[in-house]
Amino acid sequence: METKLMCWDYNETIIGYGRDEIRPNIAEVLAALRERGYKNIVTTTISERYVEQGLRQAGLDSLIDGVFGGVRDPRLRAKRYREAVESVGIPIEQASERVVVVGDKPHDHPCDLADVVFILNPEGYKADARVVQALLLRLEEHGNGNILAGFDGLNQFSFADGHIELPCGYDGILHYNSYGHSWQTPEIIVKPAAQSKSYKDLAKMAVAGGK
């Protein structure tokens, strides 16, 4: 089975800042992804020691394959993922096919890897982890295992305004966001359907957040 990589932000994505709230069903989803050949790595701007302690307290440490702290690039207002990718043996040239990044803020997007799918989930740890899992499985299905190809394939099957329906009352919008880089980041914004005023407005918000 070919190794794939899921890079999770920590604060407000897996666990709330106070460590007293954990993302619903995150343990089950981490375990299910591992069974599908994924490595689960936490990429964070804070210290590795702090994150590792929080993961142990939450009972998630055995489901995480690595923690990389201090990964933010302050110049680009984004995060670096190359080291995490290399740590699991994925060639950088295959990152777009085998790596997914998930975070709750625009600055969680990758600044050192082109064409890697970024799942932007502003509700973070408050959203059921099964929403992310369902989206990942659809990316695999539409790309025959190739994540980037799945993004483009899923985009073709989306509604006219680029949105797709997800479980647990969530929707997603697929678009490309430059974030000021020389490439376009394939991005999926995940929002509660009831809160989404306009999918086009969500895309504009994401672009604005990357500037």
N, C-alpha and C. Protein backbone atom coordinates (compact mmCIF):
# COMPACT_ATOMS: atom_id res chain seq x y z
N MET A 1 0.85 -1.20 0.00
CA MET A 1 0.00 0.00 0.00
C MET A 1 0.88 1.25 0.00
N GLU A 2 0.62 2.15 -0.93
CA GLU A 2 1.42 3.37 -1.04
C GLU A 2 1.13 4.32 0.13
N THR A 3 2.19 4.81 0.75
CA THR A 3 2.03 5.73 1.87
C THR A 3 1.51 7.09 1.39
N LYS A 4 0.51 7.60 2.11
CA LYS A 4 0.03 8.96 1.91
C LYS A 4 0.17 9.71 3.23
N LEU A 5 0.02 11.02 3.17
CA LEU A 5 0.25 11.85 4.36
C LEU A 5 -0.87 12.84 4.57
N MET A 6 -1.35 12.89 5.81
CA MET A 6 -2.31 13.88 6.24
C MET A 6 -1.62 14.79 7.26
N CYS A 7 -1.47 16.06 6.92
CA CYS A 7 -0.85 17.04 7.82
C CYS A 7 -1.94 17.82 8.54
N TRP A 8 -2.01 17.67 9.84
CA TRP A 8 -3.03 18.32 10.66
C TRP A 8 -2.42 19.50 11.41
N ASP A 9 -3.09 20.64 11.36
CA ASP A 9 -2.78 21.71 12.29
C ASP A 9 -3.21 21.25 13.68
N TYR A 10 -2.67 21.87 14.73
CA TYR A 10 -2.98 21.43 16.09
C TYR A 10 -4.02 22.32 16.77
N ASN A 11 -3.61 23.52 17.20
CA ASN A 11 -4.52 24.41 17.91
C ASN A 11 -5.71 24.80 17.04
N GLU A 12 -6.89 24.58 17.58
CA GLU A 12 -8.15 24.95 16.94
C GLU A 12 -8.51 24.04 15.75
N THR A 13 -7.66 23.05 15.45
CA THR A 13 -8.00 22.09 14.40
C THR A 13 -8.22 20.70 15.00
N ILE A 14 -7.29 20.25 15.82
CA ILE A 14 -7.48 18.98 16.52
C ILE A 14 -8.06 19.23 17.91
N ILE A 15 -7.52 20.23 18.59
CA ILE A 15 -7.87 20.51 19.98
C ILE A 15 -8.03 22.01 20.16
N GLY A 16 -8.97 22.41 21.03
CA GLY A 16 -9.14 23.82 21.34
C GLY A 16 -7.95 24.35 22.12
N TYR A 17 -7.81 25.66 22.16
CA TYR A 17 -6.66 26.27 22.81
C TYR A 17 -6.52 25.87 24.28
N GLY A 18 -7.64 25.68 24.96
CA GLY A 18 -7.57 25.33 26.37
C GLY A 18 -7.38 23.86 26.64
N ARG A 19 -7.26 23.05 25.57
CA ARG A 19 -7.08 21.61 25.66
C ARG A 19 -8.27 20.89 26.29
N ASP A 20 -9.36 21.58 26.54
CA ASP A 20 -10.51 20.93 27.16
C ASP A 20 -11.55 20.48 26.14
N GLU A 21 -11.35 20.82 24.88
CA GLU A 21 -12.27 20.40 23.82
C GLU A 21 -11.48 19.72 22.71
N ILE A 22 -11.93 18.54 22.34
CA ILE A 22 -11.28 17.75 21.29
C ILE A 22 -12.24 17.60 20.12
N ARG A 23 -11.72 17.62 18.93
CA ARG A 23 -12.55 17.50 17.73
C ARG A 23 -13.37 16.21 17.78
N PRO A 24 -14.68 16.27 17.58
CA PRO A 24 -15.51 15.05 17.61
C PRO A 24 -15.02 14.00 16.62
N ASN A 25 -14.92 12.77 17.10
CA ASN A 25 -14.56 11.60 16.29
C ASN A 25 -13.16 11.66 15.69
N ILE A 26 -12.29 12.50 16.23
CA ILE A 26 -10.94 12.62 15.66
C ILE A 26 -10.15 11.33 15.84
N ALA A 27 -10.28 10.67 16.98
CA ALA A 27 -9.53 9.43 17.21
C ALA A 27 -9.93 8.36 16.20
N GLU A 28 -11.23 8.22 15.99
CA GLU A 28 -11.72 7.21 15.04
C GLU A 28 -11.25 7.50 13.62
N VAL A 29 -11.24 8.77 13.26
CA VAL A 29 -10.82 9.15 11.90
C VAL A 29 -9.31 8.95 11.72
N LEU A 30 -8.52 9.32 12.71
CA LEU A 30 -7.07 9.10 12.62
C LEU A 30 -6.77 7.61 12.44
N ALA A 31 -7.48 6.77 13.19
CA ALA A 31 -7.27 5.32 13.09
C ALA A 31 -7.69 4.80 11.72
N ALA A 32 -8.82 5.29 11.21
CA ALA A 32 -9.31 4.84 9.91
C ALA A 32 -8.37 5.25 8.79
N LEU A 33 -7.82 6.47 8.87
CA LEU A 33 -6.88 6.92 7.86
C LEU A 33 -5.60 6.09 7.89
N ARG A 34 -5.16 5.74 9.07
CA ARG A 34 -3.96 4.90 9.18
C ARG A 34 -4.19 3.55 8.49
N GLU A 35 -5.38 3.01 8.65
CA GLU A 35 -5.69 1.73 8.00
C GLU A 35 -5.67 1.85 6.48
N ARG A 36 -5.92 3.06 5.97
CA ARG A 36 -5.90 3.27 4.52
C ARG A 36 -4.51 3.63 4.01
N GLY A 37 -3.51 3.59 4.87
CA GLY A 37 -2.14 3.84 4.45
C GLY A 37 -1.66 5.26 4.67
N TYR A 38 -2.43 6.06 5.41
CA TYR A 38 -2.02 7.44 5.69
C TYR A 38 -1.16 7.51 6.94
N LYS A 39 -0.18 8.39 6.91
CA LYS A 39 0.53 8.83 8.10
C LYS A 39 -0.14 10.11 8.58
N ASN A 40 -0.37 10.22 9.86
CA ASN A 40 -0.95 11.42 10.45
C ASN A 40 0.15 12.21 11.16
N ILE A 41 0.44 13.39 10.65
CA ILE A 41 1.48 14.22 11.24
C ILE A 41 0.88 15.58 11.64
N VAL A 42 1.29 16.07 12.80
CA VAL A 42 0.86 17.39 13.26
C VAL A 42 1.93 18.40 12.86
N THR A 43 1.51 19.44 12.19
CA THR A 43 2.40 20.53 11.80
C THR A 43 1.89 21.80 12.46
N THR A 44 2.73 22.41 13.27
CA THR A 44 2.26 23.50 14.12
C THR A 44 3.31 24.60 14.23
N THR A 45 2.87 25.78 14.58
CA THR A 45 3.80 26.89 14.77
C THR A 45 4.35 26.93 16.19
N ILE A 46 3.76 26.15 17.10
CA ILE A 46 4.19 26.18 18.50
C ILE A 46 5.18 25.04 18.76
N SER A 47 5.58 24.88 20.01
CA SER A 47 6.63 23.91 20.32
C SER A 47 6.12 22.48 20.23
N GLU A 48 7.01 21.61 19.80
CA GLU A 48 6.68 20.19 19.69
C GLU A 48 6.35 19.59 21.05
N ARG A 49 7.08 19.99 22.07
CA ARG A 49 6.87 19.45 23.42
C ARG A 49 5.46 19.75 23.93
N TYR A 50 5.01 20.98 23.70
CA TYR A 50 3.67 21.37 24.14
C TYR A 50 2.61 20.53 23.44
N VAL A 51 2.78 20.33 22.13
CA VAL A 51 1.82 19.56 21.35
C VAL A 51 1.82 18.10 21.78
N GLU A 52 2.99 17.53 21.94
CA GLU A 52 3.09 16.13 22.34
C GLU A 52 2.41 15.89 23.69
N GLN A 53 2.58 16.84 24.61
CA GLN A 53 1.93 16.73 25.91
C GLN A 53 0.41 16.78 25.76
N GLY A 54 -0.07 17.70 24.93
CA GLY A 54 -1.51 17.81 24.71
C GLY A 54 -2.09 16.58 24.05
N LEU A 55 -1.36 15.99 23.13
CA LEU A 55 -1.83 14.77 22.45
C LEU A 55 -1.91 13.61 23.44
N ARG A 56 -0.94 13.52 24.35
CA ARG A 56 -0.99 12.46 25.36
C ARG A 56 -2.19 12.64 26.28
N GLN A 57 -2.43 13.87 26.71
CA GLN A 57 -3.57 14.14 27.59
C GLN A 57 -4.89 13.80 26.91
N ALA A 58 -4.95 13.99 25.59
CA ALA A 58 -6.17 13.72 24.84
C ALA A 58 -6.29 12.26 24.42
N GLY A 59 -5.24 11.48 24.67
CA GLY A 59 -5.26 10.08 24.28
C GLY A 59 -5.09 9.86 22.79
N LEU A 60 -4.45 10.82 22.11
CA LEU A 60 -4.29 10.74 20.67
C LEU A 60 -2.86 10.46 20.24
N ASP A 61 -1.93 10.43 21.18
CA ASP A 61 -0.52 10.32 20.83
C ASP A 61 -0.18 9.05 20.04
N SER A 62 -0.87 7.95 20.33
CA SER A 62 -0.57 6.69 19.63
C SER A 62 -1.07 6.69 18.20
N LEU A 63 -1.89 7.68 17.84
CA LEU A 63 -2.45 7.75 16.50
C LEU A 63 -1.73 8.77 15.62
N ILE A 64 -0.76 9.47 16.19
CA ILE A 64 0.00 10.49 15.47
C ILE A 64 1.40 9.96 15.18
N ASP A 65 1.84 10.11 13.95
CA ASP A 65 3.11 9.54 13.52
C ASP A 65 4.28 10.52 13.59
N GLY A 66 4.01 11.74 13.98
CA GLY A 66 5.08 12.71 14.11
C GLY A 66 4.54 14.09 14.39
N VAL A 67 5.36 14.93 15.02
CA VAL A 67 4.99 16.32 15.31
C VAL A 67 6.14 17.21 14.84
N PHE A 68 5.80 18.22 14.05
CA PHE A 68 6.78 19.19 13.57
C PHE A 68 6.35 20.57 14.05
N GLY A 69 7.16 21.16 14.93
CA GLY A 69 6.84 22.47 15.48
C GLY A 69 7.64 23.58 14.82
N GLY A 70 7.16 24.81 15.00
CA GLY A 70 7.86 25.97 14.47
C GLY A 70 7.94 26.01 12.96
N VAL A 71 6.85 25.58 12.31
CA VAL A 71 6.92 25.44 10.85
C VAL A 71 6.43 26.69 10.10
N ARG A 72 6.06 27.73 10.81
CA ARG A 72 5.53 28.91 10.12
C ARG A 72 6.64 29.75 9.51
N ASP A 73 6.40 30.20 8.28
CA ASP A 73 7.30 31.14 7.62
C ASP A 73 6.71 32.53 7.77
N PRO A 74 7.27 33.37 8.66
CA PRO A 74 6.67 34.68 8.94
C PRO A 74 6.66 35.62 7.74
N ARG A 75 7.59 35.41 6.83
CA ARG A 75 7.63 36.30 5.66
C ARG A 75 6.43 36.07 4.74
N LEU A 76 6.01 34.81 4.63
CA LEU A 76 4.95 34.45 3.70
C LEU A 76 3.60 34.23 4.39
N ARG A 77 3.60 34.32 5.72
CA ARG A 77 2.38 34.07 6.49
C ARG A 77 1.76 32.74 6.09
N ALA A 78 2.58 31.72 6.13
CA ALA A 78 2.17 30.37 5.75
C ALA A 78 3.06 29.38 6.50
N LYS A 79 2.87 28.08 6.23
CA LYS A 79 3.62 27.04 6.94
C LYS A 79 4.42 26.18 5.98
N ARG A 80 5.51 25.62 6.50
CA ARG A 80 6.39 24.77 5.71
C ARG A 80 6.08 23.30 6.01
N TYR A 81 6.02 22.49 4.96
CA TYR A 81 5.64 21.09 5.11
C TYR A 81 6.66 20.13 4.50
N ARG A 82 7.66 20.65 3.82
CA ARG A 82 8.59 19.79 3.10
C ARG A 82 9.25 18.76 4.03
N GLU A 83 9.68 19.20 5.21
CA GLU A 83 10.35 18.29 6.14
C GLU A 83 9.43 17.16 6.57
N ALA A 84 8.16 17.46 6.82
CA ALA A 84 7.20 16.43 7.21
C ALA A 84 7.00 15.42 6.09
N VAL A 85 6.92 15.91 4.87
CA VAL A 85 6.74 15.03 3.71
C VAL A 85 7.93 14.09 3.57
N GLU A 86 9.11 14.65 3.66
CA GLU A 86 10.32 13.83 3.51
C GLU A 86 10.46 12.82 4.64
N SER A 87 9.94 13.14 5.82
CA SER A 87 10.09 12.25 6.97
C SER A 87 9.37 10.93 6.80
N VAL A 88 8.33 10.89 5.96
CA VAL A 88 7.59 9.65 5.74
C VAL A 88 7.97 8.98 4.42
N GLY A 89 9.02 9.51 3.77
CA GLY A 89 9.53 8.87 2.57
C GLY A 89 8.80 9.18 1.29
N ILE A 90 8.01 10.24 1.28
CA ILE A 90 7.31 10.63 0.05
C ILE A 90 8.21 11.58 -0.73
N PRO A 91 8.52 11.26 -1.98
CA PRO A 91 9.33 12.19 -2.79
C PRO A 91 8.59 13.52 -2.98
N ILE A 92 9.31 14.61 -2.91
CA ILE A 92 8.69 15.93 -3.01
C ILE A 92 7.90 16.06 -4.32
N GLU A 93 8.41 15.48 -5.39
CA GLU A 93 7.72 15.59 -6.68
C GLU A 93 6.39 14.83 -6.70
N GLN A 94 6.15 13.98 -5.69
CA GLN A 94 4.88 13.26 -5.61
C GLN A 94 3.96 13.81 -4.53
N ALA A 95 4.35 14.92 -3.91
CA ALA A 95 3.56 15.47 -2.80
C ALA A 95 2.14 15.81 -3.23
N SER A 96 1.96 16.36 -4.41
CA SER A 96 0.62 16.75 -4.85
C SER A 96 -0.30 15.55 -5.00
N GLU A 97 0.26 14.38 -5.24
CA GLU A 97 -0.52 13.17 -5.43
C GLU A 97 -0.86 12.48 -4.11
N ARG A 98 -0.03 12.72 -3.08
CA ARG A 98 -0.09 11.86 -1.89
C ARG A 98 -0.20 12.62 -0.57
N VAL A 99 -0.31 13.95 -0.61
CA VAL A 99 -0.33 14.74 0.63
C VAL A 99 -1.55 15.64 0.67
N VAL A 100 -2.15 15.77 1.85
CA VAL A 100 -3.25 16.70 2.10
C VAL A 100 -2.94 17.48 3.37
N VAL A 101 -3.25 18.76 3.36
CA VAL A 101 -3.04 19.63 4.52
C VAL A 101 -4.41 20.12 5.00
N VAL A 102 -4.63 20.11 6.31
CA VAL A 102 -5.88 20.63 6.86
C VAL A 102 -5.58 21.60 7.99
N GLY A 103 -6.26 22.75 7.99
CA GLY A 103 -6.08 23.75 9.04
C GLY A 103 -7.32 24.62 9.15
N ASP A 104 -7.32 25.46 10.18
CA ASP A 104 -8.50 26.30 10.42
C ASP A 104 -8.29 27.74 9.99
N LYS A 105 -7.08 28.09 9.54
CA LYS A 105 -6.81 29.46 9.12
C LYS A 105 -6.05 29.47 7.80
N PRO A 106 -6.21 30.54 7.01
CA PRO A 106 -5.49 30.61 5.72
C PRO A 106 -3.99 30.44 5.85
N HIS A 107 -3.39 30.91 6.96
CA HIS A 107 -1.93 30.80 7.08
C HIS A 107 -1.45 29.36 7.31
N ASP A 108 -2.36 28.40 7.39
CA ASP A 108 -1.98 27.00 7.49
C ASP A 108 -1.64 26.39 6.13
N HIS A 109 -1.86 27.14 5.07
CA HIS A 109 -1.59 26.59 3.73
C HIS A 109 -0.08 26.41 3.52
N PRO A 110 0.30 25.48 2.65
CA PRO A 110 1.74 25.23 2.42
C PRO A 110 2.38 26.28 1.53
N CYS A 111 3.53 26.78 1.98
CA CYS A 111 4.25 27.79 1.21
C CYS A 111 5.47 27.21 0.51
N ASP A 112 5.80 25.95 0.78
CA ASP A 112 7.00 25.36 0.19
C ASP A 112 6.70 24.12 -0.65
N LEU A 113 5.41 23.87 -0.93
CA LEU A 113 5.00 22.75 -1.77
C LEU A 113 3.91 23.22 -2.72
N ALA A 114 4.15 23.08 -3.99
CA ALA A 114 3.15 23.48 -4.98
C ALA A 114 2.13 22.37 -5.20
N ASP A 115 0.88 22.79 -5.45
CA ASP A 115 -0.18 21.88 -5.90
C ASP A 115 -0.64 20.87 -4.86
N VAL A 116 -0.35 21.11 -3.59
CA VAL A 116 -0.84 20.23 -2.52
C VAL A 116 -2.20 20.73 -2.05
N VAL A 117 -3.18 19.84 -1.98
CA VAL A 117 -4.54 20.22 -1.62
C VAL A 117 -4.59 20.70 -0.16
N PHE A 118 -5.20 21.85 0.04
CA PHE A 118 -5.35 22.46 1.36
C PHE A 118 -6.83 22.51 1.72
N ILE A 119 -7.20 21.86 2.81
CA ILE A 119 -8.57 21.90 3.33
C ILE A 119 -8.63 22.97 4.41
N LEU A 120 -9.32 24.04 4.11
CA LEU A 120 -9.48 25.16 5.04
C LEU A 120 -10.82 25.01 5.74
N ASN A 121 -10.77 24.71 7.04
CA ASN A 121 -11.97 24.44 7.83
C ASN A 121 -12.03 25.43 9.00
N PRO A 122 -12.60 26.62 8.79
CA PRO A 122 -12.57 27.67 9.82
C PRO A 122 -13.19 27.25 11.16
N GLU A 123 -14.14 26.31 11.15
CA GLU A 123 -14.76 25.86 12.41
C GLU A 123 -13.82 24.96 13.20
N GLY A 124 -12.79 24.46 12.55
CA GLY A 124 -11.75 23.69 13.22
C GLY A 124 -12.26 22.55 14.07
N TYR A 125 -11.82 22.53 15.33
CA TYR A 125 -12.11 21.41 16.23
C TYR A 125 -13.60 21.26 16.54
N LYS A 126 -14.39 22.25 16.21
CA LYS A 126 -15.83 22.16 16.47
C LYS A 126 -16.55 21.32 15.41
N ALA A 127 -15.88 21.10 14.29
CA ALA A 127 -16.47 20.33 13.20
C ALA A 127 -16.13 18.85 13.38
N ASP A 128 -17.10 17.99 13.11
CA ASP A 128 -16.88 16.55 13.20
C ASP A 128 -15.76 16.14 12.25
N ALA A 129 -14.81 15.37 12.74
CA ALA A 129 -13.68 14.93 11.92
C ALA A 129 -14.12 14.07 10.74
N ARG A 130 -15.31 13.49 10.83
CA ARG A 130 -15.80 12.66 9.73
C ARG A 130 -16.07 13.47 8.48
N VAL A 131 -16.25 14.78 8.62
CA VAL A 131 -16.42 15.65 7.45
C VAL A 131 -15.13 15.66 6.63
N VAL A 132 -14.00 15.81 7.31
CA VAL A 132 -12.70 15.79 6.64
C VAL A 132 -12.44 14.43 6.03
N GLN A 133 -12.77 13.38 6.77
CA GLN A 133 -12.57 12.02 6.27
C GLN A 133 -13.38 11.77 4.99
N ALA A 134 -14.64 12.18 5.00
CA ALA A 134 -15.49 11.98 3.83
C ALA A 134 -14.95 12.73 2.62
N LEU A 135 -14.45 13.93 2.86
CA LEU A 135 -13.89 14.73 1.76
C LEU A 135 -12.64 14.05 1.21
N LEU A 136 -11.81 13.53 2.08
CA LEU A 136 -10.59 12.86 1.65
C LEU A 136 -10.92 11.62 0.80
N LEU A 137 -11.91 10.86 1.23
CA LEU A 137 -12.29 9.67 0.48
C LEU A 137 -12.83 10.03 -0.91
N ARG A 138 -13.53 11.14 -1.00
CA ARG A 138 -14.04 11.58 -2.30
C ARG A 138 -12.91 12.05 -3.21
N LEU A 139 -11.90 12.68 -2.63
CA LEU A 139 -10.73 13.07 -3.43
C LEU A 139 -10.03 11.83 -3.98
N GLU A 140 -9.89 10.80 -3.15
CA GLU A 140 -9.27 9.56 -3.61
C GLU A 140 -10.09 8.92 -4.72
N GLU A 141 -11.40 8.89 -4.51
CA GLU A 141 -12.29 8.24 -5.48
C GLU A 141 -12.23 8.92 -6.84
N HIS A 142 -12.31 10.24 -6.86
CA HIS A 142 -12.35 10.97 -8.13
C HIS A 142 -10.98 11.06 -8.79
N GLY A 143 -9.92 10.76 -8.05
CA GLY A 143 -8.58 10.82 -8.63
C GLY A 143 -7.91 9.47 -8.75
N ASN A 144 -8.69 8.40 -8.48
CA ASN A 144 -8.13 7.05 -8.52
C ASN A 144 -6.87 6.96 -7.65
N GLY A 145 -6.94 7.56 -6.46
CA GLY A 145 -5.84 7.53 -5.51
C GLY A 145 -4.91 8.72 -5.58
N ASN A 146 -5.01 9.51 -6.65
CA ASN A 146 -4.18 10.70 -6.82
C ASN A 146 -4.95 11.90 -6.27
N ILE A 147 -4.44 12.52 -5.21
CA ILE A 147 -5.18 13.57 -4.50
C ILE A 147 -5.45 14.79 -5.39
N LEU A 148 -4.43 15.29 -6.06
CA LEU A 148 -4.62 16.47 -6.90
C LEU A 148 -5.56 16.17 -8.07
N ALA A 149 -5.40 15.02 -8.68
CA ALA A 149 -6.32 14.63 -9.76
C ALA A 149 -7.74 14.51 -9.21
N GLY A 150 -7.86 14.06 -7.96
CA GLY A 150 -9.18 13.97 -7.33
C GLY A 150 -9.81 15.33 -7.12
N PHE A 151 -8.99 16.32 -6.79
CA PHE A 151 -9.49 17.69 -6.64
C PHE A 151 -10.07 18.18 -7.96
N ASP A 152 -9.32 18.02 -9.04
CA ASP A 152 -9.80 18.48 -10.34
C ASP A 152 -11.02 17.68 -10.80
N GLY A 153 -11.00 16.37 -10.53
CA GLY A 153 -12.14 15.55 -10.90
C GLY A 153 -13.38 15.89 -10.11
N LEU A 154 -13.22 16.11 -8.82
CA LEU A 154 -14.35 16.47 -7.97
C LEU A 154 -14.90 17.83 -8.34
N ASN A 155 -14.01 18.73 -8.73
CA ASN A 155 -14.43 20.06 -9.16
C ASN A 155 -15.35 20.00 -10.38
N GLN A 156 -15.08 19.06 -11.26
CA GLN A 156 -15.91 18.90 -12.46
C GLN A 156 -17.31 18.40 -12.11
N PHE A 157 -17.42 17.67 -10.99
CA PHE A 157 -18.72 17.13 -10.59
C PHE A 157 -19.43 18.01 -9.57
N SER A 158 -18.84 19.16 -9.24
CA SER A 158 -19.46 20.06 -8.27
C SER A 158 -20.59 20.85 -8.91
N PHE A 159 -21.31 21.58 -8.08
CA PHE A 159 -22.36 22.45 -8.59
C PHE A 159 -21.73 23.61 -9.37
N ALA A 160 -22.57 24.38 -10.05
CA ALA A 160 -22.07 25.44 -10.94
C ALA A 160 -21.21 26.45 -10.20
N ASP A 161 -21.50 26.70 -8.92
CA ASP A 161 -20.72 27.68 -8.17
C ASP A 161 -19.54 27.05 -7.44
N GLY A 162 -19.22 25.80 -7.76
CA GLY A 162 -18.03 25.15 -7.22
C GLY A 162 -18.23 24.45 -5.90
N HIS A 163 -19.47 24.33 -5.40
CA HIS A 163 -19.63 23.73 -4.08
C HIS A 163 -20.08 22.28 -4.17
N ILE A 164 -19.76 21.54 -3.10
CA ILE A 164 -20.16 20.15 -2.95
C ILE A 164 -20.81 19.97 -1.59
N GLU A 165 -21.67 18.99 -1.48
CA GLU A 165 -22.32 18.69 -0.22
C GLU A 165 -21.51 17.64 0.55
N LEU A 166 -21.36 17.86 1.86
CA LEU A 166 -20.60 16.97 2.72
C LEU A 166 -21.48 16.50 3.88
N PRO A 167 -21.06 15.48 4.61
CA PRO A 167 -21.87 14.99 5.74
C PRO A 167 -21.97 15.99 6.88
N CYS A 168 -22.85 15.68 7.82
CA CYS A 168 -22.98 16.42 9.08
C CYS A 168 -23.37 17.88 8.87
N GLY A 169 -24.08 18.19 7.77
CA GLY A 169 -24.55 19.55 7.54
C GLY A 169 -23.48 20.50 7.06
N TYR A 170 -22.44 20.00 6.41
CA TYR A 170 -21.36 20.85 5.90
C TYR A 170 -21.34 20.85 4.38
N ASP A 171 -20.80 21.92 3.85
CA ASP A 171 -20.56 22.04 2.42
C ASP A 171 -19.10 22.42 2.20
N GLY A 172 -18.65 22.24 0.97
CA GLY A 172 -17.31 22.66 0.62
C GLY A 172 -17.33 23.41 -0.69
N ILE A 173 -16.35 24.29 -0.87
CA ILE A 173 -16.19 24.98 -2.14
C ILE A 173 -14.77 24.75 -2.63
N LEU A 174 -14.65 24.34 -3.89
CA LEU A 174 -13.35 24.04 -4.48
C LEU A 174 -12.93 25.20 -5.37
N HIS A 175 -11.71 25.65 -5.19
CA HIS A 175 -11.19 26.71 -6.04
C HIS A 175 -9.68 26.72 -5.91
N TYR A 176 -9.02 27.50 -6.74
CA TYR A 176 -7.57 27.67 -6.67
C TYR A 176 -7.28 29.05 -6.09
N ASN A 177 -6.33 29.10 -5.14
CA ASN A 177 -6.00 30.33 -4.44
C ASN A 177 -4.49 30.59 -4.60
N SER A 178 -4.12 31.75 -5.08
CA SER A 178 -2.71 32.03 -5.34
C SER A 178 -1.92 32.27 -4.05
N TYR A 179 -2.54 32.88 -3.05
CA TYR A 179 -1.87 33.22 -1.79
C TYR A 179 -0.56 33.98 -2.03
N GLY A 180 -0.44 34.61 -3.19
CA GLY A 180 0.76 35.39 -3.48
C GLY A 180 1.94 34.57 -3.95
N HIS A 181 1.76 33.26 -4.15
CA HIS A 181 2.85 32.42 -4.61
C HIS A 181 2.87 32.38 -6.15
N SER A 182 3.86 31.69 -6.67
CA SER A 182 3.96 31.56 -8.13
C SER A 182 3.07 30.44 -8.65
N TRP A 183 2.40 29.73 -7.76
CA TRP A 183 1.48 28.67 -8.16
C TRP A 183 0.12 28.90 -7.50
N GLN A 184 -0.87 28.15 -7.97
CA GLN A 184 -2.22 28.22 -7.43
C GLN A 184 -2.44 27.04 -6.50
N THR A 185 -2.77 27.31 -5.24
CA THR A 185 -3.02 26.24 -4.27
C THR A 185 -4.44 25.69 -4.45
N PRO A 186 -4.58 24.39 -4.68
CA PRO A 186 -5.92 23.79 -4.74
C PRO A 186 -6.53 23.77 -3.34
N GLU A 187 -7.60 24.51 -3.15
CA GLU A 187 -8.15 24.74 -1.80
C GLU A 187 -9.61 24.33 -1.74
N ILE A 188 -9.98 23.74 -0.61
CA ILE A 188 -11.38 23.40 -0.35
C ILE A 188 -11.78 24.05 0.96
N ILE A 189 -12.71 25.00 0.90
CA ILE A 189 -13.22 25.64 2.11
C ILE A 189 -14.39 24.82 2.62
N VAL A 190 -14.33 24.40 3.88
CA VAL A 190 -15.38 23.58 4.49
C VAL A 190 -16.12 24.44 5.51
N LYS A 191 -17.41 24.63 5.28
CA LYS A 191 -18.22 25.49 6.14
C LYS A 191 -19.58 24.84 6.39
N PRO A 192 -20.22 25.13 7.55
CA PRO A 192 -21.59 24.66 7.76
C PRO A 192 -22.51 25.22 6.68
N ALA A 193 -23.33 24.37 6.11
CA ALA A 193 -24.20 24.81 5.03
C ALA A 193 -25.12 25.94 5.47
N ALA A 194 -25.59 25.88 6.71
CA ALA A 194 -26.52 26.90 7.20
C ALA A 194 -25.86 28.26 7.36
N GLN A 195 -24.53 28.30 7.45
CA GLN A 195 -23.84 29.56 7.65
C GLN A 195 -23.27 30.14 6.36
N SER A 196 -23.35 29.39 5.30
CA SER A 196 -22.74 29.82 4.05
C SER A 196 -23.69 30.74 3.29
N LYS A 197 -23.38 32.02 3.30
CA LYS A 197 -24.23 32.98 2.59
C LYS A 197 -24.09 32.83 1.09
N SER A 198 -22.89 32.69 0.65
CA SER A 198 -22.62 32.58 -0.78
C SER A 198 -21.28 31.88 -0.96
N TYR A 199 -21.28 30.85 -1.76
CA TYR A 199 -20.04 30.13 -1.98
C TYR A 199 -19.01 30.99 -2.71
N LYS A 200 -19.47 31.85 -3.56
CA LYS A 200 -18.54 32.76 -4.23
C LYS A 200 -17.94 33.74 -3.23
N ASP A 201 -18.74 34.18 -2.26
CA ASP A 201 -18.21 35.06 -1.22
C ASP A 201 -17.17 34.35 -0.38
N LEU A 202 -17.37 33.05 -0.12
CA LEU A 202 -16.40 32.29 0.65
C LEU A 202 -15.07 32.23 -0.08
N ALA A 203 -15.13 32.04 -1.37
CA ALA A 203 -13.89 31.99 -2.16
C ALA A 203 -13.17 33.34 -2.09
N LYS A 204 -13.94 34.42 -2.19
CA LYS A 204 -13.34 35.75 -2.10
C LYS A 204 -12.70 35.98 -0.74
N MET A 205 -13.36 35.46 0.33
CA MET A 205 -12.81 35.59 1.67
C MET A 205 -11.48 34.88 1.78
N ALA A 206 -11.39 33.69 1.19
CA ALA A 206 -10.15 32.90 1.25
C ALA A 206 -9.02 33.61 0.53
N VAL A 207 -9.33 34.16 -0.64
CA VAL A 207 -8.32 34.88 -1.41
C VAL A 207 -7.83 36.10 -0.63
N ALA A 208 -8.75 36.81 -0.02
CA ALA A 208 -8.40 37.99 0.76
C ALA A 208 -7.53 37.60 1.96
N GLY A 209 -7.85 36.42 2.56
CA GLY A 209 -7.08 35.99 3.71
C GLY A 209 -5.67 35.61 3.38
N GLY A 210 -5.43 35.27 2.10
CA GLY A 210 -4.09 34.87 1.70
C GLY A 210 -3.21 36.01 1.30
N LYS A 211 -3.75 37.23 1.22
CA LYS A 211 -2.96 38.37 0.79
C LYS A 211 -2.27 39.03 1.97
